[in-house]
Amino acid sequence: MKRIWLVLFFSLLYSQLWAQEESGSSEEFHRHKVMIVLGHTHVANGFNSKGDKAWIVLPSWGLDYDFRLNANWSIGLHSEMVIESFEYESENQIKLDRTRPVALVVVGSRKIGKHLTILAGGGTELAPEENLTLIRVGADYSWELINNWELAVNVMTDFKLDAYDSWVFGLGVAKIF
C-alpha cells in the first residue's frame, strides 16, 4: 500500500513538473506562509482504552511553515504533535507505547490549480520511547480569504519506517506574508 501511494504521488508530481506556469498575475507575491492545523491522527493498528486492538483516532496540532519559491513551488518545515499517548502493534505483533509524539518533516509542495497543493517529504517522529523515521505524502485544499489569510483542509499519510503508519485529517488557518 505504501508503494502505491508513493508511485501515485510521484507520478502526479512528475507530470506537473513540466506543466506551463501561469503568467501575468498583477497581485503582490508573498513568500512566507505559516499555518496552524487542528487535526485528527488515525492509527489503524492501535489499542483502545480497554486494551483491545482497534482503529484509534487521536487529537493533534500542527504548525507548518512554507517558503514559496515561486507561485507553484514551496519548501517547508511541517510539525505535528499528537496530544495523547497511545499504544500500537508493531510489525512483529508487539504492543508498543508512544508518548505524545512530535513529527518534524521537511516537505516540498506543488500548487496545482487555484486550490489544491500536493506535498511530500521526510523527517522524524520524536517520542521518549524511540525516534522514528517517516515519509509523508499529502494534499491541502485551500481557500483564500481577505488580507492574505487562508483556510485549508488537509489529508496526509505518514509512513513510519519499521513501525506504525498513520494518516491525518486536519483543518488549518494560514497567514501569508
N, C-alpha and C. Protein backbone atom coordinates (compact mmCIF):
# COMPACT_ATOMS: atom_id res chain seq x y z
N MET A 1 0.82 -1.19 0.00
CA MET A 1 0.00 0.00 0.00
C MET A 1 0.87 1.26 0.00
N LYS A 2 1.98 1.22 0.76
CA LYS A 2 2.88 2.38 0.81
C LYS A 2 3.42 2.69 -0.58
N ARG A 3 3.81 1.67 -1.27
CA ARG A 3 4.40 1.88 -2.60
C ARG A 3 3.38 2.46 -3.57
N ILE A 4 2.14 2.03 -3.47
CA ILE A 4 1.10 2.55 -4.36
C ILE A 4 0.93 4.05 -4.14
N TRP A 5 0.85 4.49 -2.87
CA TRP A 5 0.73 5.92 -2.56
C TRP A 5 1.92 6.70 -3.11
N LEU A 6 3.11 6.18 -2.89
CA LEU A 6 4.31 6.89 -3.33
C LEU A 6 4.39 6.96 -4.85
N VAL A 7 4.07 5.88 -5.54
CA VAL A 7 4.10 5.88 -7.00
C VAL A 7 3.07 6.86 -7.55
N LEU A 8 1.85 6.86 -7.01
CA LEU A 8 0.83 7.79 -7.46
C LEU A 8 1.25 9.23 -7.23
N PHE A 9 1.78 9.50 -6.05
CA PHE A 9 2.19 10.86 -5.74
C PHE A 9 3.29 11.35 -6.66
N PHE A 10 4.35 10.57 -6.81
CA PHE A 10 5.47 11.00 -7.63
C PHE A 10 5.12 11.04 -9.12
N SER A 11 4.19 10.20 -9.57
CA SER A 11 3.73 10.28 -10.96
C SER A 11 3.01 11.59 -11.20
N LEU A 12 2.14 11.97 -10.27
CA LEU A 12 1.43 13.24 -10.39
C LEU A 12 2.40 14.41 -10.32
N LEU A 13 3.35 14.34 -9.40
CA LEU A 13 4.34 15.39 -9.26
C LEU A 13 5.17 15.54 -10.53
N TYR A 14 5.62 14.42 -11.10
CA TYR A 14 6.43 14.45 -12.31
C TYR A 14 5.64 15.05 -13.48
N SER A 15 4.37 14.66 -13.60
CA SER A 15 3.57 15.18 -14.71
C SER A 15 3.34 16.68 -14.57
N GLN A 16 3.26 17.17 -13.34
CA GLN A 16 3.04 18.59 -13.12
C GLN A 16 4.33 19.40 -13.22
N LEU A 17 5.46 18.77 -13.06
CA LEU A 17 6.73 19.46 -13.08
C LEU A 17 6.96 20.19 -14.40
N TRP A 18 6.48 19.61 -15.47
CA TRP A 18 6.72 20.18 -16.78
C TRP A 18 5.53 20.98 -17.31
N ALA A 19 4.51 21.16 -16.48
CA ALA A 19 3.34 21.94 -16.90
C ALA A 19 3.71 23.40 -17.07
N GLN A 20 2.99 24.09 -17.92
CA GLN A 20 3.25 25.51 -18.13
C GLN A 20 2.90 26.30 -16.88
N GLU A 21 3.73 27.31 -16.59
CA GLU A 21 3.50 28.20 -15.46
C GLU A 21 2.45 29.24 -15.85
N GLU A 22 1.61 29.62 -14.88
CA GLU A 22 0.67 30.71 -15.11
C GLU A 22 1.46 32.01 -15.10
N SER A 23 1.06 32.95 -15.95
CA SER A 23 1.80 34.20 -16.04
C SER A 23 0.87 35.38 -15.94
N GLY A 24 1.47 36.55 -15.67
CA GLY A 24 0.74 37.78 -15.73
C GLY A 24 -0.08 38.14 -14.51
N SER A 25 0.22 37.62 -13.34
CA SER A 25 -0.53 37.98 -12.15
C SER A 25 -0.14 39.38 -11.69
N SER A 26 -1.15 40.22 -11.44
CA SER A 26 -0.87 41.59 -11.02
C SER A 26 -0.79 41.71 -9.49
N GLU A 27 -1.06 40.61 -8.76
CA GLU A 27 -1.02 40.65 -7.30
C GLU A 27 0.42 40.60 -6.80
N GLU A 28 0.62 41.16 -5.62
CA GLU A 28 1.93 41.13 -4.98
C GLU A 28 2.23 39.70 -4.53
N PHE A 29 3.46 39.26 -4.77
CA PHE A 29 3.85 37.89 -4.43
C PHE A 29 4.39 37.83 -3.00
N HIS A 30 3.82 36.95 -2.18
CA HIS A 30 4.26 36.78 -0.80
C HIS A 30 4.95 35.42 -0.68
N ARG A 31 6.11 35.39 -0.04
CA ARG A 31 6.92 34.18 0.01
C ARG A 31 6.68 33.29 1.24
N HIS A 32 6.14 33.83 2.31
CA HIS A 32 6.05 33.07 3.57
C HIS A 32 4.61 32.70 3.89
N LYS A 33 4.45 31.50 4.43
CA LYS A 33 3.13 31.02 4.84
C LYS A 33 3.29 30.25 6.14
N VAL A 34 2.54 30.64 7.16
CA VAL A 34 2.52 29.95 8.45
C VAL A 34 1.10 29.48 8.70
N MET A 35 0.95 28.19 9.03
CA MET A 35 -0.38 27.63 9.22
C MET A 35 -0.45 26.86 10.54
N ILE A 36 -1.54 27.05 11.25
CA ILE A 36 -1.86 26.26 12.45
C ILE A 36 -2.95 25.28 12.04
N VAL A 37 -2.76 24.02 12.39
CA VAL A 37 -3.68 22.96 11.98
C VAL A 37 -4.22 22.23 13.20
N LEU A 38 -5.53 22.08 13.25
CA LEU A 38 -6.19 21.23 14.24
C LEU A 38 -6.53 19.94 13.52
N GLY A 39 -5.97 18.82 13.97
CA GLY A 39 -6.13 17.58 13.23
C GLY A 39 -6.58 16.41 14.06
N HIS A 40 -6.85 15.33 13.36
CA HIS A 40 -7.15 14.04 13.95
C HIS A 40 -6.23 13.02 13.29
N THR A 41 -5.39 12.40 14.09
CA THR A 41 -4.44 11.41 13.61
C THR A 41 -5.06 10.02 13.77
N HIS A 42 -5.07 9.27 12.69
CA HIS A 42 -5.68 7.94 12.67
C HIS A 42 -4.59 6.87 12.64
N VAL A 43 -4.67 5.92 13.56
CA VAL A 43 -3.72 4.81 13.64
C VAL A 43 -4.54 3.52 13.53
N ALA A 44 -4.33 2.78 12.46
CA ALA A 44 -5.13 1.58 12.20
C ALA A 44 -4.82 0.44 13.15
N ASN A 45 -3.58 0.31 13.58
CA ASN A 45 -3.21 -0.84 14.42
C ASN A 45 -2.93 -0.39 15.86
N GLY A 46 -3.82 0.43 16.40
CA GLY A 46 -3.68 0.89 17.78
C GLY A 46 -4.47 0.03 18.74
N PHE A 47 -4.47 0.44 20.01
CA PHE A 47 -5.23 -0.24 21.05
C PHE A 47 -6.11 0.78 21.74
N ASN A 48 -7.38 0.42 21.97
CA ASN A 48 -8.28 1.34 22.65
C ASN A 48 -8.04 1.33 24.16
N SER A 49 -8.83 2.09 24.90
CA SER A 49 -8.62 2.23 26.35
C SER A 49 -8.85 0.92 27.10
N LYS A 50 -9.58 -0.02 26.51
CA LYS A 50 -9.81 -1.33 27.14
C LYS A 50 -8.69 -2.32 26.84
N GLY A 51 -7.74 -1.92 25.99
CA GLY A 51 -6.63 -2.80 25.63
C GLY A 51 -6.90 -3.67 24.42
N ASP A 52 -8.03 -3.45 23.75
CA ASP A 52 -8.37 -4.22 22.56
C ASP A 52 -7.78 -3.55 21.32
N LYS A 53 -7.32 -4.37 20.38
CA LYS A 53 -6.79 -3.82 19.13
C LYS A 53 -7.92 -3.12 18.39
N ALA A 54 -7.66 -1.87 17.97
CA ALA A 54 -8.72 -1.08 17.34
C ALA A 54 -8.10 0.04 16.51
N TRP A 55 -8.90 0.57 15.62
CA TRP A 55 -8.55 1.79 14.88
C TRP A 55 -8.74 2.93 15.86
N ILE A 56 -7.70 3.70 16.12
CA ILE A 56 -7.82 4.80 17.07
C ILE A 56 -7.65 6.14 16.37
N VAL A 57 -8.34 7.14 16.90
CA VAL A 57 -8.28 8.49 16.37
C VAL A 57 -7.81 9.39 17.52
N LEU A 58 -6.72 10.13 17.28
CA LEU A 58 -6.09 10.93 18.32
C LEU A 58 -6.06 12.40 17.92
N PRO A 59 -6.34 13.31 18.86
CA PRO A 59 -6.26 14.73 18.54
C PRO A 59 -4.82 15.16 18.33
N SER A 60 -4.62 16.11 17.40
CA SER A 60 -3.26 16.59 17.14
C SER A 60 -3.31 18.06 16.72
N TRP A 61 -2.17 18.72 16.91
CA TRP A 61 -1.97 20.11 16.49
C TRP A 61 -0.80 20.13 15.52
N GLY A 62 -0.87 20.99 14.55
CA GLY A 62 0.23 21.14 13.61
C GLY A 62 0.62 22.60 13.48
N LEU A 63 1.89 22.82 13.20
CA LEU A 63 2.41 24.15 12.89
C LEU A 63 3.29 23.98 11.66
N ASP A 64 2.90 24.63 10.56
CA ASP A 64 3.59 24.47 9.29
C ASP A 64 4.15 25.81 8.83
N TYR A 65 5.36 25.77 8.31
CA TYR A 65 5.96 26.95 7.67
C TYR A 65 6.37 26.56 6.26
N ASP A 66 5.98 27.39 5.29
CA ASP A 66 6.38 27.17 3.90
C ASP A 66 7.03 28.43 3.35
N PHE A 67 8.12 28.22 2.61
CA PHE A 67 8.78 29.29 1.87
C PHE A 67 8.47 29.07 0.40
N ARG A 68 7.78 30.01 -0.19
CA ARG A 68 7.34 29.89 -1.58
C ARG A 68 8.48 30.29 -2.52
N LEU A 69 8.93 29.36 -3.33
CA LEU A 69 9.99 29.61 -4.31
C LEU A 69 9.45 30.40 -5.50
N ASN A 70 8.23 30.08 -5.90
CA ASN A 70 7.52 30.81 -6.95
C ASN A 70 6.03 30.59 -6.70
N ALA A 71 5.21 30.91 -7.67
CA ALA A 71 3.76 30.81 -7.46
C ALA A 71 3.29 29.37 -7.23
N ASN A 72 4.06 28.38 -7.66
CA ASN A 72 3.60 26.99 -7.57
C ASN A 72 4.43 26.09 -6.66
N TRP A 73 5.68 26.40 -6.42
CA TRP A 73 6.57 25.52 -5.66
C TRP A 73 6.94 26.13 -4.32
N SER A 74 6.96 25.28 -3.28
CA SER A 74 7.35 25.71 -1.93
C SER A 74 8.18 24.62 -1.27
N ILE A 75 9.00 25.04 -0.32
CA ILE A 75 9.67 24.11 0.59
C ILE A 75 9.28 24.55 1.99
N GLY A 76 9.27 23.60 2.92
CA GLY A 76 8.84 23.99 4.25
C GLY A 76 9.20 23.01 5.32
N LEU A 77 8.91 23.42 6.55
CA LEU A 77 9.06 22.57 7.73
C LEU A 77 7.69 22.44 8.35
N HIS A 78 7.18 21.21 8.39
CA HIS A 78 5.86 20.94 8.96
C HIS A 78 6.03 20.13 10.24
N SER A 79 5.28 20.49 11.26
CA SER A 79 5.35 19.77 12.52
C SER A 79 3.95 19.36 12.93
N GLU A 80 3.90 18.30 13.72
CA GLU A 80 2.62 17.80 14.22
C GLU A 80 2.86 17.17 15.59
N MET A 81 1.99 17.49 16.53
CA MET A 81 2.08 16.89 17.86
C MET A 81 0.77 16.18 18.18
N VAL A 82 0.87 14.88 18.43
CA VAL A 82 -0.29 14.12 18.88
C VAL A 82 -0.43 14.40 20.38
N ILE A 83 -1.58 14.85 20.80
CA ILE A 83 -1.78 15.33 22.17
C ILE A 83 -1.87 14.19 23.18
N GLU A 84 -2.30 13.02 22.77
CA GLU A 84 -2.47 11.89 23.68
C GLU A 84 -1.39 10.84 23.47
N SER A 85 -1.10 10.11 24.52
CA SER A 85 -0.24 8.93 24.43
C SER A 85 -1.10 7.76 23.97
N PHE A 86 -0.48 6.77 23.33
CA PHE A 86 -1.24 5.63 22.83
C PHE A 86 -0.34 4.42 22.72
N GLU A 87 -0.97 3.28 22.46
CA GLU A 87 -0.26 2.03 22.22
C GLU A 87 -0.61 1.55 20.82
N TYR A 88 0.35 0.90 20.18
CA TYR A 88 0.13 0.35 18.85
C TYR A 88 0.80 -1.01 18.75
N GLU A 89 0.41 -1.77 17.74
CA GLU A 89 1.01 -3.08 17.50
C GLU A 89 2.05 -2.94 16.39
N SER A 90 3.28 -3.38 16.68
CA SER A 90 4.36 -3.30 15.69
C SER A 90 4.19 -4.38 14.63
N GLU A 91 5.06 -4.33 13.62
CA GLU A 91 5.03 -5.35 12.57
C GLU A 91 5.31 -6.75 13.12
N ASN A 92 6.01 -6.83 14.25
CA ASN A 92 6.32 -8.12 14.89
C ASN A 92 5.25 -8.52 15.88
N GLN A 93 4.09 -7.83 15.86
CA GLN A 93 2.95 -8.08 16.74
C GLN A 93 3.30 -7.90 18.21
N ILE A 94 4.11 -6.87 18.49
CA ILE A 94 4.47 -6.50 19.85
C ILE A 94 3.75 -5.20 20.18
N LYS A 95 3.20 -5.11 21.38
CA LYS A 95 2.49 -3.92 21.83
C LYS A 95 3.52 -2.88 22.30
N LEU A 96 3.53 -1.69 21.66
CA LEU A 96 4.49 -0.64 21.99
C LEU A 96 3.78 0.65 22.34
N ASP A 97 4.43 1.49 23.17
CA ASP A 97 3.88 2.77 23.60
C ASP A 97 4.46 3.91 22.78
N ARG A 98 3.64 4.96 22.60
CA ARG A 98 4.09 6.25 22.05
C ARG A 98 3.54 7.32 22.97
N THR A 99 4.44 8.12 23.54
CA THR A 99 4.04 9.19 24.45
C THR A 99 4.09 10.52 23.72
N ARG A 100 2.91 11.04 23.40
CA ARG A 100 2.76 12.34 22.75
C ARG A 100 3.85 12.62 21.70
N PRO A 101 3.89 11.86 20.62
CA PRO A 101 4.94 12.04 19.62
C PRO A 101 4.82 13.37 18.88
N VAL A 102 5.97 13.90 18.49
CA VAL A 102 6.06 15.13 17.71
C VAL A 102 6.79 14.82 16.41
N ALA A 103 6.15 15.12 15.28
CA ALA A 103 6.76 14.89 13.97
C ALA A 103 7.33 16.19 13.43
N LEU A 104 8.54 16.13 12.89
CA LEU A 104 9.18 17.25 12.20
C LEU A 104 9.53 16.76 10.80
N VAL A 105 8.97 17.43 9.79
CA VAL A 105 9.10 16.95 8.43
C VAL A 105 9.48 18.09 7.49
N VAL A 106 10.51 17.87 6.68
CA VAL A 106 10.88 18.81 5.62
C VAL A 106 10.10 18.38 4.38
N VAL A 107 9.34 19.31 3.81
CA VAL A 107 8.48 18.96 2.68
C VAL A 107 8.74 19.87 1.48
N GLY A 108 8.44 19.32 0.33
CA GLY A 108 8.35 20.09 -0.89
C GLY A 108 6.91 20.03 -1.34
N SER A 109 6.38 21.13 -1.86
CA SER A 109 4.98 21.13 -2.27
C SER A 109 4.80 21.82 -3.61
N ARG A 110 3.76 21.42 -4.29
CA ARG A 110 3.44 21.94 -5.63
C ARG A 110 1.97 22.31 -5.65
N LYS A 111 1.67 23.56 -5.98
CA LYS A 111 0.29 24.01 -6.10
C LYS A 111 -0.20 23.66 -7.49
N ILE A 112 -1.36 23.01 -7.55
CA ILE A 112 -1.96 22.59 -8.81
C ILE A 112 -3.30 23.31 -8.91
N GLY A 113 -3.41 24.19 -9.82
CA GLY A 113 -4.64 24.96 -9.95
C GLY A 113 -4.72 26.03 -8.87
N LYS A 114 -5.94 26.46 -8.58
CA LYS A 114 -6.12 27.55 -7.63
C LYS A 114 -6.18 27.09 -6.18
N HIS A 115 -6.65 25.87 -5.91
CA HIS A 115 -6.93 25.44 -4.54
C HIS A 115 -6.10 24.26 -4.03
N LEU A 116 -5.66 23.38 -4.91
CA LEU A 116 -5.05 22.11 -4.49
C LEU A 116 -3.52 22.21 -4.43
N THR A 117 -2.95 21.72 -3.35
CA THR A 117 -1.50 21.61 -3.20
C THR A 117 -1.16 20.19 -2.79
N ILE A 118 -0.19 19.58 -3.48
CA ILE A 118 0.29 18.26 -3.07
C ILE A 118 1.67 18.44 -2.44
N LEU A 119 2.00 17.55 -1.51
CA LEU A 119 3.27 17.68 -0.81
C LEU A 119 3.86 16.31 -0.51
N ALA A 120 5.18 16.30 -0.35
CA ALA A 120 5.90 15.09 0.04
C ALA A 120 7.18 15.50 0.75
N GLY A 121 7.61 14.65 1.66
CA GLY A 121 8.84 14.95 2.36
C GLY A 121 9.21 13.84 3.32
N GLY A 122 10.24 14.11 4.08
CA GLY A 122 10.72 13.14 5.05
C GLY A 122 11.17 13.83 6.31
N GLY A 123 11.21 13.06 7.38
CA GLY A 123 11.63 13.63 8.65
C GLY A 123 11.66 12.59 9.74
N THR A 124 11.36 13.04 10.94
CA THR A 124 11.43 12.17 12.10
C THR A 124 10.24 12.41 13.01
N GLU A 125 9.87 11.37 13.74
CA GLU A 125 8.87 11.50 14.79
C GLU A 125 9.57 11.25 16.12
N LEU A 126 9.53 12.24 16.98
CA LEU A 126 10.23 12.18 18.26
C LEU A 126 9.28 11.78 19.37
N ALA A 127 9.73 10.87 20.21
CA ALA A 127 8.98 10.44 21.40
C ALA A 127 9.99 9.88 22.39
N PRO A 128 9.66 9.90 23.69
CA PRO A 128 10.60 9.38 24.69
C PRO A 128 11.00 7.93 24.47
N GLU A 129 10.09 7.13 23.92
CA GLU A 129 10.38 5.70 23.74
C GLU A 129 11.40 5.45 22.63
N GLU A 130 11.21 6.13 21.49
CA GLU A 130 12.06 5.90 20.33
C GLU A 130 11.76 6.97 19.29
N ASN A 131 12.77 7.40 18.54
CA ASN A 131 12.57 8.31 17.42
C ASN A 131 12.41 7.47 16.16
N LEU A 132 11.43 7.84 15.33
CA LEU A 132 11.13 7.08 14.13
C LEU A 132 11.36 7.94 12.89
N THR A 133 11.85 7.32 11.83
CA THR A 133 11.99 7.99 10.54
C THR A 133 10.67 7.86 9.79
N LEU A 134 10.27 8.95 9.12
CA LEU A 134 8.99 8.89 8.41
C LEU A 134 9.07 9.54 7.04
N ILE A 135 8.18 9.11 6.19
CA ILE A 135 7.97 9.68 4.87
C ILE A 135 6.52 10.17 4.84
N ARG A 136 6.32 11.41 4.39
CA ARG A 136 4.97 12.00 4.38
C ARG A 136 4.57 12.35 2.95
N VAL A 137 3.34 12.01 2.60
CA VAL A 137 2.71 12.48 1.36
C VAL A 137 1.34 13.01 1.75
N GLY A 138 0.89 14.02 1.03
CA GLY A 138 -0.40 14.58 1.38
C GLY A 138 -0.89 15.62 0.42
N ALA A 139 -2.02 16.22 0.77
CA ALA A 139 -2.63 17.26 -0.05
C ALA A 139 -3.36 18.25 0.84
N ASP A 140 -3.34 19.51 0.41
CA ASP A 140 -4.10 20.58 1.04
C ASP A 140 -5.08 21.12 0.01
N TYR A 141 -6.28 21.41 0.44
CA TYR A 141 -7.25 22.12 -0.40
C TYR A 141 -7.56 23.40 0.34
N SER A 142 -7.23 24.55 -0.25
CA SER A 142 -7.32 25.81 0.48
C SER A 142 -8.16 26.85 -0.25
N TRP A 143 -8.69 27.77 0.55
CA TRP A 143 -9.46 28.90 0.05
C TRP A 143 -8.83 30.16 0.56
N GLU A 144 -8.60 31.11 -0.35
CA GLU A 144 -8.04 32.40 0.04
C GLU A 144 -9.12 33.24 0.69
N LEU A 145 -8.76 33.89 1.78
CA LEU A 145 -9.65 34.80 2.49
C LEU A 145 -9.10 36.21 2.34
N ILE A 146 -9.71 37.18 2.98
CA ILE A 146 -9.23 38.56 2.88
C ILE A 146 -7.94 38.75 3.66
N ASN A 147 -7.20 39.79 3.29
CA ASN A 147 -5.96 40.20 3.97
C ASN A 147 -4.92 39.09 4.06
N ASN A 148 -4.78 38.29 3.00
CA ASN A 148 -3.76 37.23 2.92
C ASN A 148 -3.92 36.14 3.97
N TRP A 149 -5.13 35.84 4.35
CA TRP A 149 -5.42 34.69 5.21
C TRP A 149 -5.94 33.57 4.33
N GLU A 150 -5.81 32.36 4.81
CA GLU A 150 -6.22 31.19 4.05
C GLU A 150 -6.83 30.16 4.98
N LEU A 151 -7.83 29.45 4.52
CA LEU A 151 -8.44 28.34 5.24
C LEU A 151 -8.15 27.08 4.44
N ALA A 152 -7.70 26.02 5.10
CA ALA A 152 -7.29 24.81 4.38
C ALA A 152 -7.80 23.55 5.07
N VAL A 153 -8.10 22.57 4.26
CA VAL A 153 -8.39 21.21 4.71
C VAL A 153 -7.24 20.36 4.18
N ASN A 154 -6.66 19.53 5.07
CA ASN A 154 -5.55 18.72 4.57
C ASN A 154 -5.70 17.26 4.98
N VAL A 155 -5.11 16.42 4.17
CA VAL A 155 -5.04 14.98 4.41
C VAL A 155 -3.60 14.56 4.13
N MET A 156 -2.99 13.90 5.11
CA MET A 156 -1.60 13.46 4.97
C MET A 156 -1.46 12.03 5.47
N THR A 157 -0.55 11.31 4.85
CA THR A 157 -0.22 9.97 5.30
C THR A 157 1.25 9.95 5.70
N ASP A 158 1.52 9.43 6.90
CA ASP A 158 2.89 9.28 7.38
C ASP A 158 3.24 7.80 7.39
N PHE A 159 4.28 7.44 6.65
CA PHE A 159 4.78 6.07 6.64
C PHE A 159 6.00 6.05 7.56
N LYS A 160 5.84 5.47 8.75
CA LYS A 160 6.96 5.36 9.68
C LYS A 160 7.71 4.07 9.37
N LEU A 161 9.00 4.19 9.12
CA LEU A 161 9.79 3.02 8.73
C LEU A 161 9.92 2.08 9.92
N ASP A 162 9.62 0.83 9.70
CA ASP A 162 9.71 -0.23 10.72
C ASP A 162 8.83 0.05 11.93
N ALA A 163 7.69 0.72 11.73
CA ALA A 163 6.77 1.00 12.84
C ALA A 163 5.36 1.11 12.27
N TYR A 164 4.52 1.87 12.94
CA TYR A 164 3.13 2.03 12.52
C TYR A 164 3.02 3.15 11.47
N ASP A 165 1.96 3.13 10.71
CA ASP A 165 1.64 4.20 9.78
C ASP A 165 0.42 4.95 10.32
N SER A 166 0.29 6.19 9.92
CA SER A 166 -0.88 6.96 10.35
C SER A 166 -1.28 7.90 9.23
N TRP A 167 -2.48 8.41 9.34
CA TRP A 167 -2.91 9.46 8.43
C TRP A 167 -3.63 10.52 9.24
N VAL A 168 -3.57 11.73 8.74
CA VAL A 168 -4.10 12.88 9.47
C VAL A 168 -5.11 13.62 8.60
N PHE A 169 -6.22 13.96 9.19
CA PHE A 169 -7.20 14.84 8.58
C PHE A 169 -7.23 16.10 9.41
N GLY A 170 -6.98 17.26 8.79
CA GLY A 170 -6.88 18.48 9.57
C GLY A 170 -7.56 19.67 8.92
N LEU A 171 -7.81 20.67 9.75
CA LEU A 171 -8.35 21.96 9.32
C LEU A 171 -7.36 23.02 9.76
N GLY A 172 -6.90 23.83 8.82
CA GLY A 172 -5.86 24.81 9.14
C GLY A 172 -6.24 26.23 8.77
N VAL A 173 -5.62 27.16 9.48
CA VAL A 173 -5.73 28.59 9.20
C VAL A 173 -4.33 29.09 8.98
N ALA A 174 -4.13 29.79 7.84
CA ALA A 174 -2.78 30.24 7.48
C ALA A 174 -2.75 31.73 7.25
N LYS A 175 -1.59 32.31 7.52
CA LYS A 175 -1.30 33.71 7.20
C LYS A 175 -0.19 33.70 6.17
N ILE A 176 -0.39 34.43 5.09
CA ILE A 176 0.60 34.54 4.03
C ILE A 176 1.17 35.94 4.08
N PHE A 177 2.50 36.04 4.12
CA PHE A 177 3.12 37.37 4.21
C PHE A 177 4.41 37.42 3.41
